[in-house]
Amino acid sequence: MKAVFIAFNQAYNDEIVDLLEARGQRGFTRWNDILGRGSVDGEPHYGNHAWPVQNMAVLTMVEDALVPELLSDLEAADKASPDLGLRAFVWDIVSHY
């Protein structure tokens, strides 16, 4: 099992949820109004008058076999609108039940 953390511009919200549902991934936790800036490029997302954009984040636990497909979908979304910002991170998870 893997944990996939997805940080994204708030404009992607519906698209990310739809993408998860299309892959049969029902469960996730979402955080709204996430502030920050990317480590490589892009504008800050601080939610203030100078930098009004905000991010959101989703954490979902997925079966190992689904990870490549999900990452491919996310990469395609990011490439379609590179100025918005979308990043995904994956790590191993141990399920206790």
PDB file of N, CA and C in Angstrom:
ATOM      1  N   MET A   1       0.850  -1.170   0.000  1.00  0.00           N
ATOM      2  CA  MET A   1       0.000   0.000   0.000  1.00  0.00           C
ATOM      3  C   MET A   1       0.893   1.229   0.000  1.00  0.00           C
ATOM      4  N   LYS A   2       0.443   2.265  -0.697  1.00  0.00           N
ATOM      5  CA  LYS A   2       1.184   3.528  -0.803  1.00  0.00           C
ATOM      6  C   LYS A   2       0.298   4.686  -0.371  1.00  0.00           C
ATOM      7  N   ALA A   3       0.934   5.700   0.177  1.00  0.00           N
ATOM      8  CA  ALA A   3       0.268   6.973   0.439  1.00  0.00           C
ATOM      9  C   ALA A   3       0.649   7.915  -0.695  1.00  0.00           C
ATOM     10  N   VAL A   4      -0.328   8.587  -1.253  1.00  0.00           N
ATOM     11  CA  VAL A   4      -0.074   9.579  -2.294  1.00  0.00           C
ATOM     12  C   VAL A   4      -0.571  10.912  -1.767  1.00  0.00           C
ATOM     13  N   PHE A   5       0.361  11.853  -1.634  1.00  0.00           N
ATOM     14  CA  PHE A   5       0.045  13.215  -1.209  1.00  0.00           C
ATOM     15  C   PHE A   5       0.087  14.090  -2.442  1.00  0.00           C
ATOM     16  N   ILE A   6      -1.007  14.781  -2.713  1.00  0.00           N
ATOM     17  CA  ILE A   6      -1.120  15.612  -3.907  1.00  0.00           C
ATOM     18  C   ILE A   6      -1.355  17.047  -3.452  1.00  0.00           C
ATOM     19  N   ALA A   7      -0.436  17.944  -3.784  1.00  0.00           N
ATOM     20  CA  ALA A   7      -0.593  19.375  -3.510  1.00  0.00           C
ATOM     21  C   ALA A   7      -0.886  20.052  -4.840  1.00  0.00           C
ATOM     22  N   PHE A   8      -1.899  20.927  -4.858  1.00  0.00           N
ATOM     23  CA  PHE A   8      -2.334  21.476  -6.134  1.00  0.00           C
ATOM     24  C   PHE A   8      -3.012  22.826  -5.962  1.00  0.00           C
ATOM     25  N   ASN A   9      -2.973  23.611  -7.030  1.00  0.00           N
ATOM     26  CA  ASN A   9      -3.700  24.866  -7.103  1.00  0.00           C
ATOM     27  C   ASN A   9      -5.187  24.580  -6.917  1.00  0.00           C
ATOM     28  N   GLN A  10      -5.869  25.451  -6.188  1.00  0.00           N
ATOM     29  CA  GLN A  10      -7.286  25.239  -5.889  1.00  0.00           C
ATOM     30  C   GLN A  10      -8.137  25.090  -7.146  1.00  0.00           C
ATOM     31  N   ALA A  11      -7.661  25.586  -8.272  1.00  0.00           N
ATOM     32  CA  ALA A  11      -8.421  25.457  -9.520  1.00  0.00           C
ATOM     33  C   ALA A  11      -8.566  24.000  -9.962  1.00  0.00           C
ATOM     34  N   TYR A  12      -7.686  23.122  -9.482  1.00  0.00           N
ATOM     35  CA  TYR A  12      -7.735  21.706  -9.837  1.00  0.00           C
ATOM     36  C   TYR A  12      -8.713  20.892  -8.995  1.00  0.00           C
ATOM     37  N   ASN A  13      -9.346  21.467  -7.993  1.00  0.00           N
ATOM     38  CA  ASN A  13     -10.097  20.691  -7.010  1.00  0.00           C
ATOM     39  C   ASN A  13     -11.022  19.641  -7.628  1.00  0.00           C
ATOM     40  N   ASP A  14     -11.936  20.055  -8.459  1.00  0.00           N
ATOM     41  CA  ASP A  14     -12.883  19.100  -9.046  1.00  0.00           C
ATOM     42  C   ASP A  14     -12.172  18.066  -9.904  1.00  0.00           C
ATOM     43  N   GLU A  15     -11.161  18.492 -10.638  1.00  0.00           N
ATOM     44  CA  GLU A  15     -10.436  17.584 -11.520  1.00  0.00           C
ATOM     45  C   GLU A  15      -9.719  16.480 -10.729  1.00  0.00           C
ATOM     46  N   ILE A  16      -9.140  16.833  -9.596  1.00  0.00           N
ATOM     47  CA  ILE A  16      -8.433  15.846  -8.784  1.00  0.00           C
ATOM     48  C   ILE A  16      -9.418  14.823  -8.219  1.00  0.00           C
ATOM     49  N   VAL A  17     -10.523  15.284  -7.692  1.00  0.00           N
ATOM     50  CA  VAL A  17     -11.536  14.368  -7.147  1.00  0.00           C
ATOM     51  C   VAL A  17     -12.084  13.476  -8.253  1.00  0.00           C
ATOM     52  N   ASP A  18     -12.372  14.036  -9.413  1.00  0.00           N
ATOM     53  CA  ASP A  18     -12.871  13.245 -10.545  1.00  0.00           C
ATOM     54  C   ASP A  18     -11.836  12.206 -10.980  1.00  0.00           C
ATOM     55  N   LEU A  19     -10.569  12.598 -10.987  1.00  0.00           N
ATOM     56  CA  LEU A  19      -9.502  11.689 -11.378  1.00  0.00           C
ATOM     57  C   LEU A  19      -9.421  10.498 -10.423  1.00  0.00           C
ATOM     58  N   LEU A  20      -9.510  10.769  -9.122  1.00  0.00           N
ATOM     59  CA  LEU A  20      -9.492   9.690  -8.133  1.00  0.00           C
ATOM     60  C   LEU A  20     -10.683   8.754  -8.325  1.00  0.00           C
ATOM     61  N   GLU A  21     -11.846   9.329  -8.505  1.00  0.00           N
ATOM     62  CA  GLU A  21     -13.051   8.515  -8.702  1.00  0.00           C
ATOM     63  C   GLU A  21     -12.963   7.683  -9.978  1.00  0.00           C
ATOM     64  N   ALA A  22     -12.401   8.247 -11.044  1.00  0.00           N
ATOM     65  CA  ALA A  22     -12.268   7.516 -12.311  1.00  0.00           C
ATOM     66  C   ALA A  22     -11.351   6.304 -12.160  1.00  0.00           C
ATOM     67  N   ARG A  23     -10.419   6.372 -11.228  1.00  0.00           N
ATOM     68  CA  ARG A  23      -9.504   5.256 -10.959  1.00  0.00           C
ATOM     69  C   ARG A  23     -10.034   4.334  -9.863  1.00  0.00           C
ATOM     70  N   GLY A  24     -11.267   4.577  -9.411  1.00  0.00           N
ATOM     71  CA  GLY A  24     -11.863   3.720  -8.398  1.00  0.00           C
ATOM     72  C   GLY A  24     -11.351   3.975  -6.999  1.00  0.00           C
ATOM     73  N   GLN A  25     -10.731   5.124  -6.811  1.00  0.00           N
ATOM     74  CA  GLN A  25     -10.167   5.480  -5.504  1.00  0.00           C
ATOM     75  C   GLN A  25     -11.186   6.316  -4.736  1.00  0.00           C
ATOM     76  N   ARG A  26     -11.889   5.679  -3.837  1.00  0.00           N
ATOM     77  CA  ARG A  26     -12.974   6.342  -3.121  1.00  0.00           C
ATOM     78  C   ARG A  26     -12.477   7.191  -1.962  1.00  0.00           C
ATOM     79  N   GLY A  27     -11.562   6.663  -1.163  1.00  0.00           N
ATOM     80  CA  GLY A  27     -11.166   7.331   0.065  1.00  0.00           C
ATOM     81  C   GLY A  27     -10.053   8.344  -0.118  1.00  0.00           C
ATOM     82  N   PHE A  28     -10.203   9.489   0.521  1.00  0.00           N
ATOM     83  CA  PHE A  28      -9.151  10.498   0.547  1.00  0.00           C
ATOM     84  C   PHE A  28      -9.456  11.503   1.655  1.00  0.00           C
ATOM     85  N   THR A  29      -8.440  12.240   2.042  1.00  0.00           N
ATOM     86  CA  THR A  29      -8.593  13.361   2.964  1.00  0.00           C
ATOM     87  C   THR A  29      -8.114  14.605   2.235  1.00  0.00           C
ATOM     88  N   ARG A  30      -8.886  15.686   2.306  1.00  0.00           N
ATOM     89  CA  ARG A  30      -8.529  16.925   1.610  1.00  0.00           C
ATOM     90  C   ARG A  30      -8.370  18.056   2.605  1.00  0.00           C
ATOM     91  N   TRP A  31      -7.346  18.853   2.380  1.00  0.00           N
ATOM     92  CA  TRP A  31      -7.135  20.083   3.135  1.00  0.00           C
ATOM     93  C   TRP A  31      -7.352  21.256   2.194  1.00  0.00           C
ATOM     94  N   ASN A  32      -8.096  22.246   2.643  1.00  0.00           N
ATOM     95  CA  ASN A  32      -8.347  23.463   1.875  1.00  0.00           C
ATOM     96  C   ASN A  32      -7.444  24.583   2.365  1.00  0.00           C
ATOM     97  N   ASP A  33      -7.298  25.597   1.551  1.00  0.00           N
ATOM     98  CA  ASP A  33      -6.590  26.828   1.923  1.00  0.00           C
ATOM     99  C   ASP A  33      -5.175  26.564   2.419  1.00  0.00           C
ATOM    100  N   ILE A  34      -4.397  25.833   1.632  1.00  0.00           N
ATOM    101  CA  ILE A  34      -3.003  25.543   1.933  1.00  0.00           C
ATOM    102  C   ILE A  34      -2.152  26.665   1.334  1.00  0.00           C
ATOM    103  N   LEU A  35      -1.255  27.207   2.115  1.00  0.00           N
ATOM    104  CA  LEU A  35      -0.389  28.288   1.653  1.00  0.00           C
ATOM    105  C   LEU A  35       1.018  27.766   1.430  1.00  0.00           C
ATOM    106  N   GLY A  36       1.741  28.367   0.478  1.00  0.00           N
ATOM    107  CA  GLY A  36       3.120  27.962   0.257  1.00  0.00           C
ATOM    108  C   GLY A  36       3.622  28.387  -1.103  1.00  0.00           C
ATOM    109  N   ARG A  37       4.811  27.883  -1.418  1.00  0.00           N
ATOM    110  CA  ARG A  37       5.378  28.138  -2.742  1.00  0.00           C
ATOM    111  C   ARG A  37       6.242  26.950  -3.109  1.00  0.00           C
ATOM    112  N   GLY A  38       6.327  26.705  -4.396  1.00  0.00           N
ATOM    113  CA  GLY A  38       7.090  25.575  -4.898  1.00  0.00           C
ATOM    114  C   GLY A  38       8.583  25.757  -4.722  1.00  0.00           C
ATOM    115  N   SER A  39       9.305  24.648  -4.750  1.00  0.00           N
ATOM    116  CA  SER A  39      10.748  24.701  -4.536  1.00  0.00           C
ATOM    117  C   SER A  39      11.530  25.015  -5.803  1.00  0.00           C
ATOM    118  N   VAL A  40      10.889  24.942  -6.973  1.00  0.00           N
ATOM    119  CA  VAL A  40      11.610  25.132  -8.223  1.00  0.00           C
ATOM    120  C   VAL A  40      11.244  26.457  -8.895  1.00  0.00           C
ATOM    121  N   ASP A  41       9.988  26.645  -9.173  1.00  0.00           N
ATOM    122  CA  ASP A  41       9.562  27.873  -9.833  1.00  0.00           C
ATOM    123  C   ASP A  41       8.095  28.122  -9.514  1.00  0.00           C
ATOM    124  N   GLY A  42       7.503  29.076 -10.165  1.00  0.00           N
ATOM    125  CA  GLY A  42       6.101  29.384  -9.926  1.00  0.00           C
ATOM    126  C   GLY A  42       5.934  30.475  -8.889  1.00  0.00           C
ATOM    127  N   GLU A  43       4.762  31.042  -8.882  1.00  0.00           N
ATOM    128  CA  GLU A  43       4.461  32.129  -7.962  1.00  0.00           C
ATOM    129  C   GLU A  43       4.021  31.587  -6.607  1.00  0.00           C
ATOM    130  N   PRO A  44       4.270  32.350  -5.539  1.00  0.00           N
ATOM    131  CA  PRO A  44       3.783  31.938  -4.216  1.00  0.00           C
ATOM    132  C   PRO A  44       2.260  31.890  -4.202  1.00  0.00           C
ATOM    133  N   HIS A  45       1.733  31.023  -3.367  1.00  0.00           N
ATOM    134  CA  HIS A  45       0.294  30.915  -3.151  1.00  0.00           C
ATOM    135  C   HIS A  45       0.055  31.195  -1.666  1.00  0.00           C
ATOM    136  N   TYR A  46      -0.116  32.479  -1.344  1.00  0.00           N
ATOM    137  CA  TYR A  46      -0.202  32.917   0.053  1.00  0.00           C
ATOM    138  C   TYR A  46      -1.600  33.337   0.482  1.00  0.00           C
ATOM    139  N   GLY A  47      -2.531  33.447  -0.440  1.00  0.00           N
ATOM    140  CA  GLY A  47      -3.890  33.831  -0.076  1.00  0.00           C
ATOM    141  C   GLY A  47      -4.007  35.250   0.431  1.00  0.00           C
ATOM    142  N   ASN A  48      -3.096  36.145   0.034  1.00  0.00           N
ATOM    143  CA  ASN A  48      -3.179  37.541   0.469  1.00  0.00           C
ATOM    144  C   ASN A  48      -3.380  38.449  -0.736  1.00  0.00           C
ATOM    145  N   HIS A  49      -3.377  39.761  -0.511  1.00  0.00           N
ATOM    146  CA  HIS A  49      -3.664  40.675  -1.617  1.00  0.00           C
ATOM    147  C   HIS A  49      -2.576  40.652  -2.691  1.00  0.00           C
ATOM    148  N   ALA A  50      -1.330  40.401  -2.326  1.00  0.00           N
ATOM    149  CA  ALA A  50      -0.245  40.360  -3.301  1.00  0.00           C
ATOM    150  C   ALA A  50      -0.185  39.026  -4.043  1.00  0.00           C
ATOM    151  N   TRP A  51      -0.440  37.941  -3.331  1.00  0.00           N
ATOM    152  CA  TRP A  51      -0.398  36.588  -3.888  1.00  0.00           C
ATOM    153  C   TRP A  51      -1.691  35.864  -3.496  1.00  0.00           C
ATOM    154  N   PRO A  52      -2.811  36.152  -4.197  1.00  0.00           N
ATOM    155  CA  PRO A  52      -4.127  35.693  -3.733  1.00  0.00           C
ATOM    156  C   PRO A  52      -4.425  34.201  -3.918  1.00  0.00           C
ATOM    157  N   VAL A  53      -3.701  33.512  -4.759  1.00  0.00           N
ATOM    158  CA  VAL A  53      -4.001  32.107  -5.036  1.00  0.00           C
ATOM    159  C   VAL A  53      -3.680  31.250  -3.811  1.00  0.00           C
ATOM    160  N   GLN A  54      -4.461  30.196  -3.629  1.00  0.00           N
ATOM    161  CA  GLN A  54      -4.211  29.236  -2.567  1.00  0.00           C
ATOM    162  C   GLN A  54      -4.154  27.830  -3.155  1.00  0.00           C
ATOM    163  N   ASN A  55      -3.577  26.945  -2.389  1.00  0.00           N
ATOM    164  CA  ASN A  55      -3.491  25.549  -2.778  1.00  0.00           C
ATOM    165  C   ASN A  55      -4.460  24.713  -1.961  1.00  0.00           C
ATOM    166  N   MET A  56      -4.593  23.487  -2.368  1.00  0.00           N
ATOM    167  CA  MET A  56      -5.306  22.466  -1.627  1.00  0.00           C
ATOM    168  C   MET A  56      -4.402  21.246  -1.618  1.00  0.00           C
ATOM    169  N   ALA A  57      -4.727  20.262  -0.798  1.00  0.00           N
ATOM    170  CA  ALA A  57      -3.950  19.034  -0.764  1.00  0.00           C
ATOM    171  C   ALA A  57      -4.870  17.860  -0.499  1.00  0.00           C
ATOM    172  N   VAL A  58      -4.493  16.719  -1.052  1.00  0.00           N
ATOM    173  CA  VAL A  58      -5.227  15.470  -0.861  1.00  0.00           C
ATOM    174  C   VAL A  58      -4.230  14.395  -0.447  1.00  0.00           C
ATOM    175  N   LEU A  59      -4.628  13.594   0.516  1.00  0.00           N
ATOM    176  CA  LEU A  59      -3.867  12.409   0.902  1.00  0.00           C
ATOM    177  C   LEU A  59      -4.773  11.212   0.693  1.00  0.00           C
ATOM    178  N   THR A  60      -4.284  10.231  -0.053  1.00  0.00           N
ATOM    179  CA  THR A  60      -5.072   9.038  -0.325  1.00  0.00           C
ATOM    180  C   THR A  60      -4.176   7.807  -0.231  1.00  0.00           C
ATOM    181  N   MET A  61      -4.717   6.726   0.264  1.00  0.00           N
ATOM    182  CA  MET A  61      -3.990   5.461   0.371  1.00  0.00           C
ATOM    183  C   MET A  61      -4.439   4.570  -0.777  1.00  0.00           C
ATOM    184  N   VAL A  62      -3.482   4.125  -1.575  1.00  0.00           N
ATOM    185  CA  VAL A  62      -3.828   3.353  -2.768  1.00  0.00           C
ATOM    186  C   VAL A  62      -3.024   2.061  -2.827  1.00  0.00           C
ATOM    187  N   GLU A  63      -3.570   1.095  -3.523  1.00  0.00           N
ATOM    188  CA  GLU A  63      -2.861  -0.155  -3.768  1.00  0.00           C
ATOM    189  C   GLU A  63      -1.657   0.133  -4.675  1.00  0.00           C
ATOM    190  N   ASP A  64      -0.589  -0.601  -4.473  1.00  0.00           N
ATOM    191  CA  ASP A  64       0.654  -0.381  -5.217  1.00  0.00           C
ATOM    192  C   ASP A  64       0.434  -0.349  -6.730  1.00  0.00           C
ATOM    193  N   ALA A  65      -0.389  -1.238  -7.234  1.00  0.00           N
ATOM    194  CA  ALA A  65      -0.605  -1.352  -8.675  1.00  0.00           C
ATOM    195  C   ALA A  65      -1.247  -0.101  -9.278  1.00  0.00           C
ATOM    196  N   LEU A  66      -1.972   0.663  -8.483  1.00  0.00           N
ATOM    197  CA  LEU A  66      -2.655   1.860  -8.980  1.00  0.00           C
ATOM    198  C   LEU A  66      -1.731   3.071  -9.079  1.00  0.00           C
ATOM    199  N   VAL A  67      -0.636   3.069  -8.350  1.00  0.00           N
ATOM    200  CA  VAL A  67       0.231   4.253  -8.268  1.00  0.00           C
ATOM    201  C   VAL A  67       0.723   4.732  -9.634  1.00  0.00           C
ATOM    202  N   PRO A  68       1.289   3.890 -10.496  1.00  0.00           N
ATOM    203  CA  PRO A  68       1.774   4.401 -11.785  1.00  0.00           C
ATOM    204  C   PRO A  68       0.686   5.066 -12.620  1.00  0.00           C
ATOM    205  N   GLU A  69      -0.509   4.468 -12.643  1.00  0.00           N
ATOM    206  CA  GLU A  69      -1.609   5.043 -13.413  1.00  0.00           C
ATOM    207  C   GLU A  69      -2.027   6.395 -12.840  1.00  0.00           C
ATOM    208  N   LEU A  70      -2.127   6.468 -11.529  1.00  0.00           N
ATOM    209  CA  LEU A  70      -2.525   7.708 -10.872  1.00  0.00           C
ATOM    210  C   LEU A  70      -1.495   8.804 -11.120  1.00  0.00           C
ATOM    211  N   LEU A  71      -0.221   8.474 -10.982  1.00  0.00           N
ATOM    212  CA  LEU A  71       0.835   9.465 -11.220  1.00  0.00           C
ATOM    213  C   LEU A  71       0.839   9.921 -12.674  1.00  0.00           C
ATOM    214  N   SER A  72       0.564   9.018 -13.579  1.00  0.00           N
ATOM    215  CA  SER A  72       0.482   9.386 -14.997  1.00  0.00           C
ATOM    216  C   SER A  72      -0.653  10.366 -15.248  1.00  0.00           C
ATOM    217  N   ASP A  73      -1.805  10.108 -14.643  1.00  0.00           N
ATOM    218  CA  ASP A  73      -2.953  11.017 -14.769  1.00  0.00           C
ATOM    219  C   ASP A  73      -2.616  12.401 -14.203  1.00  0.00           C
ATOM    220  N   LEU A  74      -1.968  12.419 -13.038  1.00  0.00           N
ATOM    221  CA  LEU A  74      -1.617  13.689 -12.396  1.00  0.00           C
ATOM    222  C   LEU A  74      -0.589  14.456 -13.223  1.00  0.00           C
ATOM    223  N   GLU A  75       0.382  13.751 -13.766  1.00  0.00           N
ATOM    224  CA  GLU A  75       1.386  14.394 -14.604  1.00  0.00           C
ATOM    225  C   GLU A  75       0.742  15.003 -15.853  1.00  0.00           C
ATOM    226  N   ALA A  76      -0.200  14.305 -16.446  1.00  0.00           N
ATOM    227  CA  ALA A  76      -0.899  14.826 -17.624  1.00  0.00           C
ATOM    228  C   ALA A  76      -1.672  16.091 -17.278  1.00  0.00           C
ATOM    229  N   ALA A  77      -2.324  16.098 -16.119  1.00  0.00           N
ATOM    230  CA  ALA A  77      -3.062  17.298 -15.692  1.00  0.00           C
ATOM    231  C   ALA A  77      -2.103  18.461 -15.479  1.00  0.00           C
ATOM    232  N   ASP A  78      -0.955  18.191 -14.864  1.00  0.00           N
ATOM    233  CA  ASP A  78       0.031  19.244 -14.624  1.00  0.00           C
ATOM    234  C   ASP A  78       0.585  19.790 -15.934  1.00  0.00           C
ATOM    235  N   LYS A  79       0.866  18.908 -16.881  1.00  0.00           N
ATOM    236  CA  LYS A  79       1.405  19.352 -18.168  1.00  0.00           C
ATOM    237  C   LYS A  79       0.376  20.146 -18.966  1.00  0.00           C
ATOM    238  N   ALA A  80      -0.904  19.849 -18.781  1.00  0.00           N
ATOM    239  CA  ALA A  80      -1.959  20.571 -19.502  1.00  0.00           C
ATOM    240  C   ALA A  80      -2.089  22.011 -19.006  1.00  0.00           C
ATOM    241  N   SER A  81      -1.754  22.262 -17.742  1.00  0.00           N
ATOM    242  CA  SER A  81      -1.837  23.611 -17.160  1.00  0.00           C
ATOM    243  C   SER A  81      -0.637  23.841 -16.239  1.00  0.00           C
ATOM    244  N   PRO A  82       0.567  23.931 -16.789  1.00  0.00           N
ATOM    245  CA  PRO A  82       1.767  23.987 -15.954  1.00  0.00           C
ATOM    246  C   PRO A  82       1.866  25.213 -15.061  1.00  0.00           C
ATOM    247  N   ASP A  83       1.206  26.292 -15.392  1.00  0.00           N
ATOM    248  CA  ASP A  83       1.284  27.502 -14.567  1.00  0.00           C
ATOM    249  C   ASP A  83       0.504  27.381 -13.263  1.00  0.00           C
ATOM    250  N   LEU A  84      -0.423  26.426 -13.176  1.00  0.00           N
ATOM    251  CA  LEU A  84      -1.222  26.284 -11.961  1.00  0.00           C
ATOM    252  C   LEU A  84      -0.418  25.656 -10.826  1.00  0.00           C
ATOM    253  N   GLY A  85       0.283  24.612 -11.099  1.00  0.00           N
ATOM    254  CA  GLY A  85       1.056  23.912 -10.074  1.00  0.00           C
ATOM    255  C   GLY A  85       0.323  22.706  -9.518  1.00  0.00           C
ATOM    256  N   LEU A  86       0.971  21.572  -9.613  1.00  0.00           N
ATOM    257  CA  LEU A  86       0.447  20.311  -9.100  1.00  0.00           C
ATOM    258  C   LEU A  86       1.646  19.403  -8.856  1.00  0.00           C
ATOM    259  N   ARG A  87       1.752  18.868  -7.639  1.00  0.00           N
ATOM    260  CA  ARG A  87       2.847  17.958  -7.308  1.00  0.00           C
ATOM    261  C   ARG A  87       2.292  16.761  -6.549  1.00  0.00           C
ATOM    262  N   ALA A  88       2.897  15.610  -6.772  1.00  0.00           N
ATOM    263  CA  ALA A  88       2.475  14.388  -6.074  1.00  0.00           C
ATOM    264  C   ALA A  88       3.706  13.727  -5.458  1.00  0.00           C
ATOM    265  N   PHE A  89       3.520  13.189  -4.260  1.00  0.00           N
ATOM    266  CA  PHE A  89       4.576  12.513  -3.522  1.00  0.00           C
ATOM    267  C   PHE A  89       4.033  11.177  -3.037  1.00  0.00           C
ATOM    268  N   VAL A  90       4.863  10.152  -3.082  1.00  0.00           N
ATOM    269  CA  VAL A  90       4.427   8.795  -2.739  1.00  0.00           C
ATOM    270  C   VAL A  90       5.368   8.220  -1.696  1.00  0.00           C
ATOM    271  N   TRP A  91       4.775   7.551  -0.697  1.00  0.00           N
ATOM    272  CA  TRP A  91       5.594   6.806   0.256  1.00  0.00           C
ATOM    273  C   TRP A  91       4.872   5.559   0.708  1.00  0.00           C
ATOM    274  N   ASP A  92       5.655   4.603   1.235  1.00  0.00           N
ATOM    275  CA  ASP A  92       5.102   3.326   1.677  1.00  0.00           C
ATOM    276  C   ASP A  92       4.273   3.507   2.948  1.00  0.00           C
ATOM    277  N   ILE A  93       3.235   2.690   3.048  1.00  0.00           N
ATOM    278  CA  ILE A  93       2.348   2.720   4.200  1.00  0.00           C
ATOM    279  C   ILE A  93       2.169   1.294   4.712  1.00  0.00           C
ATOM    280  N   VAL A  94       2.092   1.157   6.001  1.00  0.00           N
ATOM    281  CA  VAL A  94       1.785  -0.133   6.621  1.00  0.00           C
ATOM    282  C   VAL A  94       0.382  -0.021   7.198  1.00  0.00           C
ATOM    283  N   SER A  95      -0.516  -0.859   6.707  1.00  0.00           N
ATOM    284  CA  SER A  95      -1.885  -0.855   7.207  1.00  0.00           C
ATOM    285  C   SER A  95      -1.984  -1.775   8.424  1.00  0.00           C
ATOM    286  N   HIS A  96      -2.660  -1.297   9.459  1.00  0.00           N
ATOM    287  CA  HIS A  96      -2.778  -2.077  10.685  1.00  0.00           C
ATOM    288  C   HIS A  96      -4.096  -2.860  10.763  1.00  0.00           C
ATOM    289  N   TYR A  97      -4.999  -2.623   9.833  1.00  0.00           N
ATOM    290  CA  TYR A  97      -6.245  -3.392   9.772  1.00  0.00           C
ATOM    291  C   TYR A  97      -6.884  -3.255   8.432  1.00  0.00           C
TER     292      TYR A  97
END
